[in-house]
């Protein structure tokens, strides 16, 4: 999915990243810690918490239902 508004906030609620994902993936380099990620597609916003480990990546995925077919 493209044109998804993504916000990454730290544990205090401070926004660290605010961007638009142009495709199905967004890679962000942030220090280890606990974060809140919000993703908005159209009028639907979803949020998840994630713990970024000291070593290795964190994987967060958001899913939206496919739009209803107009056929």
Protein backbone atom coordinates (compact mmCIF):
# COMPACT_ATOMS: atom_id res chain seq x y z
CA UNK A 1 0.00 0.00 0.00
CA UNK A 2 1.31 3.46 -0.84
CA UNK A 3 0.56 6.94 0.53
CA UNK A 4 0.40 5.77 4.15
CA UNK A 5 1.13 8.50 6.71
CA UNK A 6 3.52 7.11 9.34
CA UNK A 7 4.41 8.62 12.72
CA UNK A 8 6.98 7.16 15.12
CA UNK A 9 6.95 8.52 18.68
CA UNK A 10 9.22 7.74 21.60
CA UNK A 11 8.13 6.65 25.10
CA UNK A 12 7.52 10.27 26.13
CA UNK A 13 5.23 10.90 23.14
CA UNK A 14 7.76 13.02 21.23
CA UNK A 15 7.43 12.57 17.45
CA UNK A 16 10.71 11.33 15.98
CA UNK A 17 9.59 10.46 12.45
CA UNK A 18 6.65 11.76 10.45
CA UNK A 19 6.61 10.70 6.81
CA UNK A 20 4.60 9.20 3.97
CA UNK A 21 5.41 5.64 2.90
CA UNK A 22 5.55 5.56 -0.89
CA UNK A 23 5.20 1.79 -1.07
CA UNK A 24 4.59 -1.29 1.00
CA UNK A 25 7.80 -0.91 3.06
CA UNK A 26 9.26 1.78 5.27
CA UNK A 27 12.70 1.38 6.80
CA UNK A 28 13.67 3.64 9.69
CA UNK A 29 16.87 3.71 11.68
CA UNK A 30 16.09 4.60 15.31
CA UNK A 31 17.97 3.80 18.53
CA UNK A 32 16.98 0.85 20.73
CA UNK A 33 13.95 1.51 22.91
CA UNK A 34 10.16 1.46 23.09
CA UNK A 35 8.16 3.33 20.43
CA UNK A 36 4.59 3.93 19.32
CA UNK A 37 3.96 3.73 15.58
CA UNK A 38 0.87 5.13 13.93
CA UNK A 39 -0.08 4.50 10.31
CA UNK A 40 -2.94 6.24 8.50
CA UNK A 41 -4.33 5.06 5.16
CA UNK A 42 -7.31 7.06 3.95
CA UNK A 43 -9.46 7.68 7.02
CA UNK A 44 -8.25 4.61 8.94
CA UNK A 45 -5.49 4.94 11.56
CA UNK A 46 -3.85 1.98 13.26
CA UNK A 47 -1.28 2.03 16.06
CA UNK A 48 1.19 -0.43 17.51
CA UNK A 49 3.89 -0.38 20.16
CA UNK A 50 7.28 -1.81 19.30
CA UNK A 51 10.45 -2.54 21.22
CA UNK A 52 13.55 -1.94 19.09
CA UNK A 53 16.25 -4.32 20.40
CA UNK A 54 19.90 -3.43 21.02
CA UNK A 55 20.91 -5.66 18.10
CA UNK A 56 18.86 -6.60 15.07
CA UNK A 57 15.71 -5.20 13.53
CA UNK A 58 12.16 -4.80 14.79
CA UNK A 59 9.36 -5.79 12.41
CA UNK A 60 5.99 -4.03 12.55
CA UNK A 61 3.23 -4.69 10.03
CA UNK A 62 -0.08 -2.95 9.45
CA UNK A 63 -2.92 -4.49 7.46
CA UNK A 64 -6.03 -2.90 5.97
CA UNK A 65 -8.92 -4.65 4.27
CA UNK A 66 -8.91 -4.40 0.50
CA UNK A 67 -11.45 -1.90 -0.86
CA UNK A 68 -14.75 -3.42 -1.91
CA UNK A 69 -15.02 -4.17 -5.61
CA UNK A 70 -17.39 -1.93 -7.55
CA UNK A 71 -18.31 -4.67 -10.07
